[in-house]
PDB file of all heavy atoms in Angstrom:
ATOM      1  N   LYS A   1      -5.036  15.136   0.532  1.00  0.00           N
ATOM      2  CA  LYS A   1      -5.946  14.049   0.899  1.00  0.00           C
ATOM      3  C   LYS A   1      -5.205  12.976   1.688  1.00  0.00           C
ATOM      4  O   LYS A   1      -4.352  12.264   1.146  1.00  0.00           O
ATOM      5  CB  LYS A   1      -6.572  13.413  -0.350  1.00  0.00           C
ATOM      6  CG  LYS A   1      -7.346  14.362  -1.243  1.00  0.00           C
ATOM      7  CD  LYS A   1      -8.664  14.769  -0.634  1.00  0.00           C
ATOM      8  CE  LYS A   1      -9.494  15.567  -1.643  1.00  0.00           C
ATOM      9  NZ  LYS A   1     -10.774  16.024  -1.082  1.00  0.00           N
ATOM     10  N   ASN A   2      -5.513  12.856   2.976  1.00  0.00           N
ATOM     11  CA  ASN A   2      -5.050  11.744   3.799  1.00  0.00           C
ATOM     12  C   ASN A   2      -6.267  10.955   4.264  1.00  0.00           C
ATOM     13  O   ASN A   2      -7.375  11.504   4.364  1.00  0.00           O
ATOM     14  CB  ASN A   2      -4.224  12.240   4.978  1.00  0.00           C
ATOM     15  CG  ASN A   2      -2.857  12.746   4.550  1.00  0.00           C
ATOM     16  OD1 ASN A   2      -2.324  12.303   3.531  1.00  0.00           O
ATOM     17  ND2 ASN A   2      -2.299  13.665   5.300  1.00  0.00           N
ATOM     18  N   PHE A   3      -6.059   9.684   4.608  1.00  0.00           N
ATOM     19  CA  PHE A   3      -7.181   8.767   4.701  1.00  0.00           C
ATOM     20  C   PHE A   3      -7.375   8.169   6.094  1.00  0.00           C
ATOM     21  O   PHE A   3      -6.415   7.831   6.785  1.00  0.00           O
ATOM     22  CB  PHE A   3      -7.005   7.648   3.672  1.00  0.00           C
ATOM     23  CG  PHE A   3      -7.039   8.152   2.258  1.00  0.00           C
ATOM     24  CD1 PHE A   3      -5.873   8.529   1.602  1.00  0.00           C
ATOM     25  CD2 PHE A   3      -8.250   8.309   1.599  1.00  0.00           C
ATOM     26  CE1 PHE A   3      -5.909   9.029   0.308  1.00  0.00           C
ATOM     27  CE2 PHE A   3      -8.304   8.813   0.309  1.00  0.00           C
ATOM     28  CZ  PHE A   3      -7.131   9.168  -0.339  1.00  0.00           C
ATOM     29  N   ASP A   4      -8.674   8.027   6.437  1.00  0.00           N
ATOM     30  CA  ASP A   4      -9.050   7.328   7.666  1.00  0.00           C
ATOM     31  C   ASP A   4      -8.877   5.826   7.500  1.00  0.00           C
ATOM     32  O   ASP A   4      -8.541   5.117   8.457  1.00  0.00           O
ATOM     33  CB  ASP A   4     -10.519   7.614   8.009  1.00  0.00           C
ATOM     34  CG  ASP A   4     -10.786   9.078   8.243  1.00  0.00           C
ATOM     35  OD1 ASP A   4     -10.362   9.597   9.288  1.00  0.00           O
ATOM     36  OD2 ASP A   4     -11.425   9.702   7.366  1.00  0.00           O
ATOM     37  N   LEU A   5      -9.141   5.323   6.302  1.00  0.00           N
ATOM     38  CA  LEU A   5      -9.039   3.902   5.993  1.00  0.00           C
ATOM     39  C   LEU A   5      -8.325   3.727   4.667  1.00  0.00           C
ATOM     40  O   LEU A   5      -8.657   4.394   3.681  1.00  0.00           O
ATOM     41  CB  LEU A   5     -10.420   3.251   5.896  1.00  0.00           C
ATOM     42  CG  LEU A   5     -11.275   3.191   7.161  1.00  0.00           C
ATOM     43  CD1 LEU A   5     -12.695   2.748   6.815  1.00  0.00           C
ATOM     44  CD2 LEU A   5     -10.655   2.241   8.183  1.00  0.00           C
ATOM     45  N   ILE A   6      -7.354   2.834   4.645  1.00  0.00           N
ATOM     46  CA  ILE A   6      -6.735   2.407   3.394  1.00  0.00           C
ATOM     47  C   ILE A   6      -6.872   0.890   3.308  1.00  0.00           C
ATOM     48  O   ILE A   6      -6.417   0.169   4.204  1.00  0.00           O
ATOM     49  CB  ILE A   6      -5.247   2.799   3.325  1.00  0.00           C
ATOM     50  CG1 ILE A   6      -5.095   4.322   3.338  1.00  0.00           C
ATOM     51  CG2 ILE A   6      -4.603   2.210   2.064  1.00  0.00           C
ATOM     52  CD1 ILE A   6      -3.644   4.794   3.340  1.00  0.00           C
ATOM     53  N   PHE A   7      -7.544   0.406   2.265  1.00  0.00           N
ATOM     54  CA  PHE A   7      -7.648  -1.020   1.988  1.00  0.00           C
ATOM     55  C   PHE A   7      -6.593  -1.385   0.956  1.00  0.00           C
ATOM     56  O   PHE A   7      -6.512  -0.759  -0.107  1.00  0.00           O
ATOM     57  CB  PHE A   7      -9.027  -1.386   1.430  1.00  0.00           C
ATOM     58  CG  PHE A   7     -10.188  -1.159   2.357  1.00  0.00           C
ATOM     59  CD1 PHE A   7     -11.473  -1.029   1.865  1.00  0.00           C
ATOM     60  CD2 PHE A   7     -10.004  -1.094   3.732  1.00  0.00           C
ATOM     61  CE1 PHE A   7     -12.562  -0.835   2.701  1.00  0.00           C
ATOM     62  CE2 PHE A   7     -11.081  -0.896   4.591  1.00  0.00           C
ATOM     63  CZ  PHE A   7     -12.365  -0.767   4.072  1.00  0.00           C
ATOM     64  N   LEU A   8      -5.794  -2.403   1.250  1.00  0.00           N
ATOM     65  CA  LEU A   8      -4.779  -2.891   0.305  1.00  0.00           C
ATOM     66  C   LEU A   8      -5.094  -4.349   0.004  1.00  0.00           C
ATOM     67  O   LEU A   8      -4.923  -5.223   0.861  1.00  0.00           O
ATOM     68  CB  LEU A   8      -3.381  -2.739   0.901  1.00  0.00           C
ATOM     69  CG  LEU A   8      -2.208  -3.244   0.046  1.00  0.00           C
ATOM     70  CD1 LEU A   8      -2.223  -2.640  -1.338  1.00  0.00           C
ATOM     71  CD2 LEU A   8      -0.880  -2.965   0.751  1.00  0.00           C
ATOM     72  N   ASP A   9      -5.537  -4.622  -1.238  1.00  0.00           N
ATOM     73  CA  ASP A   9      -6.105  -5.934  -1.550  1.00  0.00           C
ATOM     74  C   ASP A   9      -5.626  -6.444  -2.909  1.00  0.00           C
ATOM     75  O   ASP A   9      -6.408  -6.947  -3.713  1.00  0.00           O
ATOM     76  CB  ASP A   9      -7.636  -5.842  -1.524  1.00  0.00           C
ATOM     77  CG  ASP A   9      -8.302  -7.210  -1.429  1.00  0.00           C
ATOM     78  OD1 ASP A   9      -7.602  -8.183  -1.083  1.00  0.00           O
ATOM     79  OD2 ASP A   9      -9.512  -7.299  -1.693  1.00  0.00           O
ATOM     80  N   GLY A  10      -4.318  -6.321  -3.158  1.00  0.00           N
ATOM     81  CA  GLY A  10      -3.759  -6.831  -4.397  1.00  0.00           C
ATOM     82  C   GLY A  10      -3.564  -8.338  -4.367  1.00  0.00           C
ATOM     83  O   GLY A  10      -3.810  -8.996  -3.347  1.00  0.00           O
ATOM     84  N   PHE A  11      -3.132  -8.886  -5.476  1.00  0.00           N
ATOM     85  CA  PHE A  11      -2.733 -10.286  -5.484  1.00  0.00           C
ATOM     86  C   PHE A  11      -1.545 -10.459  -4.536  1.00  0.00           C
ATOM     87  O   PHE A  11      -0.894  -9.483  -4.138  1.00  0.00           O
ATOM     88  CB  PHE A  11      -2.383 -10.738  -6.902  1.00  0.00           C
ATOM     89  CG  PHE A  11      -3.580 -10.860  -7.806  1.00  0.00           C
ATOM     90  CD1 PHE A  11      -3.814  -9.931  -8.812  1.00  0.00           C
ATOM     91  CD2 PHE A  11      -4.481 -11.905  -7.649  1.00  0.00           C
ATOM     92  CE1 PHE A  11      -4.926 -10.033  -9.646  1.00  0.00           C
ATOM     93  CE2 PHE A  11      -5.595 -12.024  -8.473  1.00  0.00           C
ATOM     94  CZ  PHE A  11      -5.821 -11.083  -9.467  1.00  0.00           C
ATOM     95  N   SER A  12      -1.235 -11.685  -4.162  1.00  0.00           N
ATOM     96  CA  SER A  12      -0.259 -11.953  -3.112  1.00  0.00           C
ATOM     97  C   SER A  12       1.127 -11.413  -3.481  1.00  0.00           C
ATOM     98  O   SER A  12       1.444 -11.238  -4.669  1.00  0.00           O
ATOM     99  CB  SER A  12      -0.172 -13.458  -2.848  1.00  0.00           C
ATOM    100  OG  SER A  12       0.310 -14.132  -3.989  1.00  0.00           O
ATOM    101  N   PRO A  13       1.964 -11.128  -2.480  1.00  0.00           N
ATOM    102  CA  PRO A  13       3.276 -10.517  -2.744  1.00  0.00           C
ATOM    103  C   PRO A  13       4.150 -11.285  -3.725  1.00  0.00           C
ATOM    104  O   PRO A  13       4.862 -10.668  -4.520  1.00  0.00           O
ATOM    105  CB  PRO A  13       3.908 -10.467  -1.352  1.00  0.00           C
ATOM    106  CG  PRO A  13       2.756 -10.340  -0.428  1.00  0.00           C
ATOM    107  CD  PRO A  13       1.674 -11.190  -1.035  1.00  0.00           C
ATOM    108  N   GLN A  14       4.114 -12.590  -3.687  1.00  0.00           N
ATOM    109  CA  GLN A  14       4.942 -13.370  -4.602  1.00  0.00           C
ATOM    110  C   GLN A  14       4.434 -13.291  -6.037  1.00  0.00           C
ATOM    111  O   GLN A  14       5.168 -13.570  -6.977  1.00  0.00           O
ATOM    112  CB  GLN A  14       5.004 -14.831  -4.148  1.00  0.00           C
ATOM    113  CG  GLN A  14       5.966 -15.087  -3.003  1.00  0.00           C
ATOM    114  CD  GLN A  14       7.426 -15.004  -3.451  1.00  0.00           C
ATOM    115  OE1 GLN A  14       7.752 -15.165  -4.621  1.00  0.00           O
ATOM    116  NE2 GLN A  14       8.321 -14.719  -2.518  1.00  0.00           N
ATOM    117  N   LYS A  15       3.168 -12.928  -6.219  1.00  0.00           N
ATOM    118  CA  LYS A  15       2.597 -12.839  -7.562  1.00  0.00           C
ATOM    119  C   LYS A  15       2.578 -11.399  -8.084  1.00  0.00           C
ATOM    120  O   LYS A  15       2.717 -11.163  -9.280  1.00  0.00           O
ATOM    121  CB  LYS A  15       1.161 -13.394  -7.550  1.00  0.00           C
ATOM    122  CG  LYS A  15       1.055 -14.865  -7.139  1.00  0.00           C
ATOM    123  CD  LYS A  15       1.721 -15.776  -8.149  1.00  0.00           C
ATOM    124  CE  LYS A  15       1.638 -17.235  -7.727  1.00  0.00           C
ATOM    125  NZ  LYS A  15       0.265 -17.767  -7.776  1.00  0.00           N
ATOM    126  N   CYS A  16       2.400 -10.444  -7.178  1.00  0.00           N
ATOM    127  CA  CYS A  16       2.301  -9.036  -7.583  1.00  0.00           C
ATOM    128  C   CYS A  16       3.048  -8.163  -6.573  1.00  0.00           C
ATOM    129  O   CYS A  16       2.434  -7.382  -5.845  1.00  0.00           O
ATOM    130  CB  CYS A  16       0.830  -8.631  -7.679  1.00  0.00           C
ATOM    131  SG  CYS A  16       0.575  -6.970  -8.342  1.00  0.00           S
ATOM    132  N   PRO A  17       4.369  -8.288  -6.522  1.00  0.00           N
ATOM    133  CA  PRO A  17       5.137  -7.576  -5.493  1.00  0.00           C
ATOM    134  C   PRO A  17       5.121  -6.058  -5.642  1.00  0.00           C
ATOM    135  O   PRO A  17       5.502  -5.344  -4.711  1.00  0.00           O
ATOM    136  CB  PRO A  17       6.548  -8.136  -5.680  1.00  0.00           C
ATOM    137  CG  PRO A  17       6.609  -8.558  -7.116  1.00  0.00           C
ATOM    138  CD  PRO A  17       5.233  -9.085  -7.411  1.00  0.00           C
ATOM    139  N   GLU A  18       4.695  -5.561  -6.801  1.00  0.00           N
ATOM    140  CA  GLU A  18       4.709  -4.117  -7.042  1.00  0.00           C
ATOM    141  C   GLU A  18       3.959  -3.329  -5.973  1.00  0.00           C
ATOM    142  O   GLU A  18       4.375  -2.229  -5.601  1.00  0.00           O
ATOM    143  CB  GLU A  18       4.092  -3.795  -8.407  1.00  0.00           C
ATOM    144  CG  GLU A  18       4.847  -4.383  -9.591  1.00  0.00           C
ATOM    145  CD  GLU A  18       4.319  -5.728 -10.047  1.00  0.00           C
ATOM    146  OE1 GLU A  18       3.953  -6.558  -9.170  1.00  0.00           O
ATOM    147  OE2 GLU A  18       4.265  -5.950 -11.265  1.00  0.00           O
ATOM    148  N   VAL A  19       2.829  -3.877  -5.483  1.00  0.00           N
ATOM    149  CA  VAL A  19       2.031  -3.124  -4.507  1.00  0.00           C
ATOM    150  C   VAL A  19       2.372  -3.493  -3.063  1.00  0.00           C
ATOM    151  O   VAL A  19       1.717  -3.023  -2.127  1.00  0.00           O
ATOM    152  CB  VAL A  19       0.512  -3.310  -4.752  1.00  0.00           C
ATOM    153  CG1 VAL A  19       0.129  -2.739  -6.100  1.00  0.00           C
ATOM    154  CG2 VAL A  19       0.090  -4.769  -4.620  1.00  0.00           C
ATOM    155  N   TRP A  20       3.408  -4.327  -2.885  1.00  0.00           N
ATOM    156  CA  TRP A  20       3.833  -4.721  -1.541  1.00  0.00           C
ATOM    157  C   TRP A  20       5.256  -4.279  -1.249  1.00  0.00           C
ATOM    158  O   TRP A  20       5.821  -4.646  -0.208  1.00  0.00           O
ATOM    159  CB  TRP A  20       3.716  -6.234  -1.382  1.00  0.00           C
ATOM    160  CG  TRP A  20       2.363  -6.775  -1.712  1.00  0.00           C
ATOM    161  CD1 TRP A  20       1.994  -7.391  -2.867  1.00  0.00           C
ATOM    162  CD2 TRP A  20       1.184  -6.722  -0.892  1.00  0.00           C
ATOM    163  NE1 TRP A  20       0.671  -7.744  -2.825  1.00  0.00           N
ATOM    164  CE2 TRP A  20       0.144  -7.346  -1.625  1.00  0.00           C
ATOM    165  CE3 TRP A  20       0.917  -6.226   0.390  1.00  0.00           C
ATOM    166  CZ2 TRP A  20      -1.141  -7.472  -1.115  1.00  0.00           C
ATOM    167  CZ3 TRP A  20      -0.373  -6.350   0.889  1.00  0.00           C
ATOM    168  CH2 TRP A  20      -1.377  -6.969   0.136  1.00  0.00           C
ATOM    169  N   SER A  21       5.852  -3.522  -2.136  1.00  0.00           N
ATOM    170  CA  SER A  21       7.237  -3.101  -1.931  1.00  0.00           C
ATOM    171  C   SER A  21       7.316  -2.086  -0.798  1.00  0.00           C
ATOM    172  O   SER A  21       6.340  -1.387  -0.476  1.00  0.00           O
ATOM    173  CB  SER A  21       7.809  -2.482  -3.211  1.00  0.00           C
ATOM    174  OG  SER A  21       7.243  -1.204  -3.446  1.00  0.00           O
ATOM    175  N   LEU A  22       8.492  -1.990  -0.209  1.00  0.00           N
ATOM    176  CA  LEU A  22       8.732  -1.005   0.841  1.00  0.00           C
ATOM    177  C   LEU A  22       8.427   0.399   0.334  1.00  0.00           C
ATOM    178  O   LEU A  22       7.834   1.226   1.043  1.00  0.00           O
ATOM    179  CB  LEU A  22      10.183  -1.101   1.313  1.00  0.00           C
ATOM    180  CG  LEU A  22      10.633  -0.113   2.377  1.00  0.00           C
ATOM    181  CD1 LEU A  22       9.858  -0.309   3.667  1.00  0.00           C
ATOM    182  CD2 LEU A  22      12.136  -0.250   2.634  1.00  0.00           C
ATOM    183  N   GLU A  23       8.784   0.664  -0.907  1.00  0.00           N
ATOM    184  CA  GLU A  23       8.596   2.001  -1.470  1.00  0.00           C
ATOM    185  C   GLU A  23       7.113   2.343  -1.651  1.00  0.00           C
ATOM    186  O   GLU A  23       6.685   3.460  -1.330  1.00  0.00           O
ATOM    187  CB  GLU A  23       9.335   2.114  -2.807  1.00  0.00           C
ATOM    188  CG  GLU A  23      10.850   2.093  -2.682  1.00  0.00           C
ATOM    189  CD  GLU A  23      11.436   0.691  -2.458  1.00  0.00           C
ATOM    190  OE1 GLU A  23      10.688  -0.303  -2.620  1.00  0.00           O
ATOM    191  OE2 GLU A  23      12.631   0.608  -2.138  1.00  0.00           O
ATOM    192  N   PHE A  24       6.321   1.371  -2.144  1.00  0.00           N
ATOM    193  CA  PHE A  24       4.904   1.668  -2.322  1.00  0.00           C
ATOM    194  C   PHE A  24       4.200   1.742  -0.969  1.00  0.00           C
ATOM    195  O   PHE A  24       3.332   2.604  -0.750  1.00  0.00           O
ATOM    196  CB  PHE A  24       4.231   0.627  -3.209  1.00  0.00           C
ATOM    197  CG  PHE A  24       2.792   0.953  -3.505  1.00  0.00           C
ATOM    198  CD1 PHE A  24       2.476   2.012  -4.343  1.00  0.00           C
ATOM    199  CD2 PHE A  24       1.763   0.230  -2.929  1.00  0.00           C
ATOM    200  CE1 PHE A  24       1.145   2.341  -4.608  1.00  0.00           C
ATOM    201  CE2 PHE A  24       0.436   0.548  -3.190  1.00  0.00           C
ATOM    202  CZ  PHE A  24       0.123   1.610  -4.031  1.00  0.00           C
ATOM    203  N   LEU A  25       4.561   0.867  -0.043  1.00  0.00           N
ATOM    204  CA  LEU A  25       3.976   0.932   1.296  1.00  0.00           C
ATOM    205  C   LEU A  25       4.308   2.257   1.967  1.00  0.00           C
ATOM    206  O   LEU A  25       3.505   2.794   2.744  1.00  0.00           O
ATOM    207  CB  LEU A  25       4.462  -0.241   2.142  1.00  0.00           C
ATOM    208  CG  LEU A  25       3.963  -1.623   1.709  1.00  0.00           C
ATOM    209  CD1 LEU A  25       4.651  -2.723   2.521  1.00  0.00           C
ATOM    210  CD2 LEU A  25       2.443  -1.738   1.848  1.00  0.00           C
ATOM    211  N   SER A  26       5.480   2.799   1.665  1.00  0.00           N
ATOM    212  CA  SER A  26       5.843   4.109   2.190  1.00  0.00           C
ATOM    213  C   SER A  26       4.898   5.181   1.667  1.00  0.00           C
ATOM    214  O   SER A  26       4.471   6.079   2.413  1.00  0.00           O
ATOM    215  CB  SER A  26       7.288   4.445   1.815  1.00  0.00           C
ATOM    216  OG  SER A  26       7.644   5.737   2.244  1.00  0.00           O
ATOM    217  N   LYS A  27       4.550   5.093   0.388  1.00  0.00           N
ATOM    218  CA  LYS A  27       3.611   6.060  -0.183  1.00  0.00           C
ATOM    219  C   LYS A  27       2.243   5.961   0.491  1.00  0.00           C
ATOM    220  O   LYS A  27       1.595   6.983   0.765  1.00  0.00           O
ATOM    221  CB  LYS A  27       3.475   5.825  -1.691  1.00  0.00           C
ATOM    222  CG  LYS A  27       4.725   6.179  -2.499  1.00  0.00           C
ATOM    223  CD  LYS A  27       4.515   5.902  -3.973  1.00  0.00           C
ATOM    224  CE  LYS A  27       5.773   6.203  -4.785  1.00  0.00           C
ATOM    225  NZ  LYS A  27       6.076   7.639  -4.806  1.00  0.00           N
ATOM    226  N   LEU A  28       1.806   4.729   0.767  1.00  0.00           N
ATOM    227  CA  LEU A  28       0.528   4.555   1.447  1.00  0.00           C
ATOM    228  C   LEU A  28       0.585   5.099   2.869  1.00  0.00           C
ATOM    229  O   LEU A  28      -0.351   5.767   3.335  1.00  0.00           O
ATOM    230  CB  LEU A  28       0.135   3.079   1.468  1.00  0.00           C
ATOM    231  CG  LEU A  28      -0.213   2.428   0.131  1.00  0.00           C
ATOM    232  CD1 LEU A  28      -0.649   0.990   0.345  1.00  0.00           C
ATOM    233  CD2 LEU A  28      -1.295   3.209  -0.606  1.00  0.00           C
ATOM    234  N   THR A  29       1.681   4.806   3.565  1.00  0.00           N
ATOM    235  CA  THR A  29       1.834   5.294   4.930  1.00  0.00           C
ATOM    236  C   THR A  29       1.766   6.812   4.977  1.00  0.00           C
ATOM    237  O   THR A  29       1.179   7.402   5.901  1.00  0.00           O
ATOM    238  CB  THR A  29       3.169   4.802   5.520  1.00  0.00           C
ATOM    239  OG1 THR A  29       3.184   3.368   5.514  1.00  0.00           O
ATOM    240  CG2 THR A  29       3.356   5.284   6.948  1.00  0.00           C
ATOM    241  N   ASN A  30       2.335   7.454   3.985  1.00  0.00           N
ATOM    242  CA  ASN A  30       2.314   8.916   3.921  1.00  0.00           C
ATOM    243  C   ASN A  30       0.911   9.474   3.682  1.00  0.00           C
ATOM    244  O   ASN A  30       0.674  10.663   3.911  1.00  0.00           O
ATOM    245  CB  ASN A  30       3.250   9.418   2.828  1.00  0.00           C
ATOM    246  CG  ASN A  30       4.706   9.229   3.176  1.00  0.00           C
ATOM    247  OD1 ASN A  30       5.075   9.117   4.347  1.00  0.00           O
ATOM    248  ND2 ASN A  30       5.568   9.174   2.161  1.00  0.00           N
ATOM    249  N   LYS A  31      -0.009   8.621   3.206  1.00  0.00           N
ATOM    250  CA  LYS A  31      -1.380   9.054   2.962  1.00  0.00           C
ATOM    251  C   LYS A  31      -2.322   8.671   4.099  1.00  0.00           C
ATOM    252  O   LYS A  31      -3.531   8.917   4.012  1.00  0.00           O
ATOM    253  CB  LYS A  31      -1.907   8.444   1.655  1.00  0.00           C
ATOM    254  CG  LYS A  31      -1.111   8.788   0.400  1.00  0.00           C
ATOM    255  CD  LYS A  31      -1.053  10.280   0.144  1.00  0.00           C
ATOM    256  CE  LYS A  31      -2.379  10.844  -0.278  1.00  0.00           C
ATOM    257  NZ  LYS A  31      -2.306  12.298  -0.584  1.00  0.00           N
ATOM    258  N   LEU A  32      -1.803   8.087   5.173  1.00  0.00           N
ATOM    259  CA  LEU A  32      -2.629   7.616   6.277  1.00  0.00           C
ATOM    260  C   LEU A  32      -2.714   8.690   7.359  1.00  0.00           C
ATOM    261  O   LEU A  32      -1.701   9.253   7.781  1.00  0.00           O
ATOM    262  CB  LEU A  32      -2.019   6.333   6.863  1.00  0.00           C
ATOM    263  CG  LEU A  32      -2.831   5.574   7.908  1.00  0.00           C
ATOM    264  CD1 LEU A  32      -4.114   5.013   7.298  1.00  0.00           C
ATOM    265  CD2 LEU A  32      -1.989   4.430   8.493  1.00  0.00           C
ATOM    266  N   LYS A  33      -3.933   8.966   7.820  1.00  0.00           N
ATOM    267  CA  LYS A  33      -4.107   9.922   8.913  1.00  0.00           C
ATOM    268  C   LYS A  33      -3.458   9.389  10.192  1.00  0.00           C
ATOM    269  O   LYS A  33      -3.243   8.183  10.349  1.00  0.00           O
ATOM    270  CB  LYS A  33      -5.595  10.182   9.156  1.00  0.00           C
ATOM    271  CG  LYS A  33      -6.269  11.023   8.097  1.00  0.00           C
ATOM    272  CD  LYS A  33      -7.699  11.342   8.507  1.00  0.00           C
ATOM    273  CE  LYS A  33      -8.404  12.240   7.500  1.00  0.00           C
ATOM    274  NZ  LYS A  33      -9.788  12.560   7.920  1.00  0.00           N
TER     275      LYS A  33
END
């Protein structure tokens, strides 16, 4: 499953950096068409 659209709408990076890390963004990039 790769995606036409990925919405990323977590709390801000300083409050919730887990979903803004280079490693997690890499996982999202790998799922993008």
